[in-house]
């Protein structure tokens, strides 16, 4: 009844919406809205920082808020800065009304830059 389509399986979406432990909570987001944003492809899945082996080949980007490197991240539409999902959830509310912490433009929006594979055979835990 009224379920939105997700580009991920239910198991993948459960993993992608699970907190990584970087921050204690996400007070600006409800779990339902977060699941909908990640499942609908409007926000990159939550992920842990990239392993050191990924840093050498340039396959990751540094988040300018937490200074960790990620292979799965978001790009701001206003100033094209990379931001990890964990930090985005801390600086932007689920309605998208907060200003960009980089360029100060009102209503910061992001687009996922890199998304993980959708096949269940390539996911690992």
C-alpha atoms as a PDB file:
ATOM      1  CA  UNK A   1       0.000   0.000   0.000  1.00  0.00           C
ATOM      2  CA  UNK A   2       1.688   3.248  -1.084  1.00  0.00           C
ATOM      3  CA  UNK A   3       5.234   1.835  -0.947  1.00  0.00           C
ATOM      4  CA  UNK A   4       7.821   3.694  -2.991  1.00  0.00           C
ATOM      5  CA  UNK A   5      10.178   1.842  -5.305  1.00  0.00           C
ATOM      6  CA  UNK A   6      13.728   1.412  -4.128  1.00  0.00           C
ATOM      7  CA  UNK A   7      16.757   0.766  -6.281  1.00  0.00           C
ATOM      8  CA  UNK A   8      18.030  -1.587  -3.558  1.00  0.00           C
ATOM      9  CA  UNK A   9      16.777  -4.810  -2.007  1.00  0.00           C
ATOM     10  CA  UNK A  10      15.270  -4.592   1.454  1.00  0.00           C
ATOM     11  CA  UNK A  11      18.395  -6.169   3.004  1.00  0.00           C
ATOM     12  CA  UNK A  12      20.694  -3.725   1.187  1.00  0.00           C
ATOM     13  CA  UNK A  13      18.553  -0.774   2.210  1.00  0.00           C
ATOM     14  CA  UNK A  14      18.659  -1.911   5.845  1.00  0.00           C
ATOM     15  CA  UNK A  15      22.466  -1.936   5.644  1.00  0.00           C
ATOM     16  CA  UNK A  16      22.699   1.394   3.792  1.00  0.00           C
ATOM     17  CA  UNK A  17      20.465   3.181   6.331  1.00  0.00           C
ATOM     18  CA  UNK A  18      22.281   1.841   9.386  1.00  0.00           C
ATOM     19  CA  UNK A  19      24.377   4.425  11.295  1.00  0.00           C
ATOM     20  CA  UNK A  20      28.135   3.980  10.953  1.00  0.00           C
ATOM     21  CA  UNK A  21      28.870   5.207  14.450  1.00  0.00           C
ATOM     22  CA  UNK A  22      30.535   8.452  13.401  1.00  0.00           C
ATOM     23  CA  UNK A  23      27.840  10.523  15.129  1.00  0.00           C
ATOM     24  CA  UNK A  24      25.658   9.583  18.103  1.00  0.00           C
ATOM     25  CA  UNK A  25      22.387  10.416  16.328  1.00  0.00           C
ATOM     26  CA  UNK A  26      20.775  12.160  13.371  1.00  0.00           C
ATOM     27  CA  UNK A  27      18.369  14.554  15.095  1.00  0.00           C
ATOM     28  CA  UNK A  28      17.307  16.303  11.878  1.00  0.00           C
ATOM     29  CA  UNK A  29      16.065  13.123  10.124  1.00  0.00           C
ATOM     30  CA  UNK A  30      13.417  10.491  10.836  1.00  0.00           C
ATOM     31  CA  UNK A  31      14.329   6.891   9.926  1.00  0.00           C
ATOM     32  CA  UNK A  32      11.440   6.762   7.427  1.00  0.00           C
ATOM     33  CA  UNK A  33      12.576   9.876   5.516  1.00  0.00           C
ATOM     34  CA  UNK A  34      16.186   8.688   5.522  1.00  0.00           C
ATOM     35  CA  UNK A  35      15.196   5.279   4.136  1.00  0.00           C
ATOM     36  CA  UNK A  36      13.101   6.945   1.448  1.00  0.00           C
ATOM     37  CA  UNK A  37      15.946   9.318   0.449  1.00  0.00           C
ATOM     38  CA  UNK A  38      18.552   6.559   0.201  1.00  0.00           C
ATOM     39  CA  UNK A  39      16.174   4.036  -1.382  1.00  0.00           C
ATOM     40  CA  UNK A  40      15.021   6.585  -3.941  1.00  0.00           C
ATOM     41  CA  UNK A  41      18.572   7.464  -4.968  1.00  0.00           C
ATOM     42  CA  UNK A  42      18.389  11.039  -3.666  1.00  0.00           C
ATOM     43  CA  UNK A  43      21.120  10.447  -1.083  1.00  0.00           C
ATOM     44  CA  UNK A  44      24.165   8.180  -1.172  1.00  0.00           C
ATOM     45  CA  UNK A  45      24.015   5.200   1.180  1.00  0.00           C
ATOM     46  CA  UNK A  46      25.666   5.539   4.571  1.00  0.00           C
ATOM     47  CA  UNK A  47      29.110   3.986   4.440  1.00  0.00           C
ATOM     48  CA  UNK A  48      32.275   3.662   6.432  1.00  0.00           C
ATOM     49  CA  UNK A  49      35.396   5.581   5.398  1.00  0.00           C
ATOM     50  CA  UNK A  50      37.409   4.050   2.566  1.00  0.00           C
ATOM     51  CA  UNK A  51      40.248   1.704   3.472  1.00  0.00           C
ATOM     52  CA  UNK A  52      43.775   3.059   2.995  1.00  0.00           C
ATOM     53  CA  UNK A  53      44.207   0.918  -0.133  1.00  0.00           C
ATOM     54  CA  UNK A  54      41.513   2.984  -1.886  1.00  0.00           C
ATOM     55  CA  UNK A  55      43.323   6.258  -1.195  1.00  0.00           C
ATOM     56  CA  UNK A  56      46.318   5.468  -3.410  1.00  0.00           C
ATOM     57  CA  UNK A  57      44.370   4.979  -6.636  1.00  0.00           C
ATOM     58  CA  UNK A  58      42.297   8.134  -6.215  1.00  0.00           C
ATOM     59  CA  UNK A  59      39.064   6.149  -5.998  1.00  0.00           C
ATOM     60  CA  UNK A  60      37.830   8.060  -2.976  1.00  0.00           C
ATOM     61  CA  UNK A  61      37.011  11.661  -2.052  1.00  0.00           C
ATOM     62  CA  UNK A  62      37.595  13.474   1.214  1.00  0.00           C
ATOM     63  CA  UNK A  63      34.619  14.913   3.062  1.00  0.00           C
ATOM     64  CA  UNK A  64      35.573  18.485   4.054  1.00  0.00           C
ATOM     65  CA  UNK A  65      33.552  18.211   7.267  1.00  0.00           C
ATOM     66  CA  UNK A  66      34.889  15.007   8.864  1.00  0.00           C
ATOM     67  CA  UNK A  67      38.096  14.738   6.759  1.00  0.00           C
ATOM     68  CA  UNK A  68      37.487  11.033   6.095  1.00  0.00           C
ATOM     69  CA  UNK A  69      37.744   9.538   2.604  1.00  0.00           C
ATOM     70  CA  UNK A  70      34.769   7.807   0.979  1.00  0.00           C
ATOM     71  CA  UNK A  71      34.105   5.897  -2.224  1.00  0.00           C
ATOM     72  CA  UNK A  72      30.346   6.461  -1.755  1.00  0.00           C
ATOM     73  CA  UNK A  73      29.517  10.133  -1.276  1.00  0.00           C
ATOM     74  CA  UNK A  74      27.293  13.048  -2.302  1.00  0.00           C
ATOM     75  CA  UNK A  75      28.014  16.210  -4.292  1.00  0.00           C
ATOM     76  CA  UNK A  76      26.363  19.505  -3.373  1.00  0.00           C
ATOM     77  CA  UNK A  77      24.349  20.936  -6.264  1.00  0.00           C
ATOM     78  CA  UNK A  78      25.179  24.526  -5.291  1.00  0.00           C
ATOM     79  CA  UNK A  79      28.991  24.462  -5.106  1.00  0.00           C
ATOM     80  CA  UNK A  80      29.968  20.914  -6.171  1.00  0.00           C
ATOM     81  CA  UNK A  81      31.606  19.960  -2.868  1.00  0.00           C
ATOM     82  CA  UNK A  82      31.878  16.352  -1.789  1.00  0.00           C
ATOM     83  CA  UNK A  83      30.107  15.468   1.478  1.00  0.00           C
ATOM     84  CA  UNK A  84      29.624  12.083   3.088  1.00  0.00           C
ATOM     85  CA  UNK A  85      26.111  11.029   4.006  1.00  0.00           C
ATOM     86  CA  UNK A  86      26.851  10.968   7.745  1.00  0.00           C
ATOM     87  CA  UNK A  87      27.938  14.625   7.722  1.00  0.00           C
ATOM     88  CA  UNK A  88      25.110  15.668   5.395  1.00  0.00           C
ATOM     89  CA  UNK A  89      22.615  14.210   7.870  1.00  0.00           C
ATOM     90  CA  UNK A  90      24.131  16.420  10.575  1.00  0.00           C
ATOM     91  CA  UNK A  91      24.047  19.708   8.644  1.00  0.00           C
ATOM     92  CA  UNK A  92      20.834  19.396   6.602  1.00  0.00           C
ATOM     93  CA  UNK A  93      17.297  18.644   7.752  1.00  0.00           C
ATOM     94  CA  UNK A  94      15.006  16.231   5.940  1.00  0.00           C
ATOM     95  CA  UNK A  95      13.073  19.104   4.350  1.00  0.00           C
ATOM     96  CA  UNK A  96      16.237  20.600   2.839  1.00  0.00           C
ATOM     97  CA  UNK A  97      15.871  24.036   4.412  1.00  0.00           C
ATOM     98  CA  UNK A  98      19.359  24.553   5.906  1.00  0.00           C
ATOM     99  CA  UNK A  99      22.043  26.550   4.104  1.00  0.00           C
ATOM    100  CA  UNK A 100      25.122  24.953   2.572  1.00  0.00           C
ATOM    101  CA  UNK A 101      28.009  24.944   5.066  1.00  0.00           C
ATOM    102  CA  UNK A 102      30.474  25.610   2.234  1.00  0.00           C
ATOM    103  CA  UNK A 103      28.991  28.411   0.094  1.00  0.00           C
ATOM    104  CA  UNK A 104      26.147  29.497   2.435  1.00  0.00           C
ATOM    105  CA  UNK A 105      23.521  29.150  -0.287  1.00  0.00           C
ATOM    106  CA  UNK A 106      20.045  28.528   1.093  1.00  0.00           C
ATOM    107  CA  UNK A 107      18.431  25.075   0.774  1.00  0.00           C
ATOM    108  CA  UNK A 108      21.472  22.861   0.228  1.00  0.00           C
ATOM    109  CA  UNK A 109      20.746  19.853  -1.978  1.00  0.00           C
ATOM    110  CA  UNK A 110      22.972  16.930  -2.911  1.00  0.00           C
ATOM    111  CA  UNK A 111      23.155  14.227  -5.543  1.00  0.00           C
ATOM    112  CA  UNK A 112      24.832  10.868  -4.980  1.00  0.00           C
ATOM    113  CA  UNK A 113      28.131  10.764  -6.863  1.00  0.00           C
ATOM    114  CA  UNK A 114      28.844   7.066  -6.551  1.00  0.00           C
ATOM    115  CA  UNK A 115      26.433   4.351  -5.574  1.00  0.00           C
ATOM    116  CA  UNK A 116      27.246   0.789  -4.543  1.00  0.00           C
ATOM    117  CA  UNK A 117      26.359  -2.184  -6.735  1.00  0.00           C
ATOM    118  CA  UNK A 118      22.702  -3.196  -6.609  1.00  0.00           C
ATOM    119  CA  UNK A 119      23.250  -6.933  -7.026  1.00  0.00           C
ATOM    120  CA  UNK A 120      23.067  -8.868  -3.770  1.00  0.00           C
ATOM    121  CA  UNK A 121      26.015 -11.041  -4.815  1.00  0.00           C
ATOM    122  CA  UNK A 122      28.397  -8.094  -4.639  1.00  0.00           C
ATOM    123  CA  UNK A 123      27.363  -6.855  -1.212  1.00  0.00           C
ATOM    124  CA  UNK A 124      29.466  -7.885   1.755  1.00  0.00           C
ATOM    125  CA  UNK A 125      29.123  -7.515   5.494  1.00  0.00           C
END
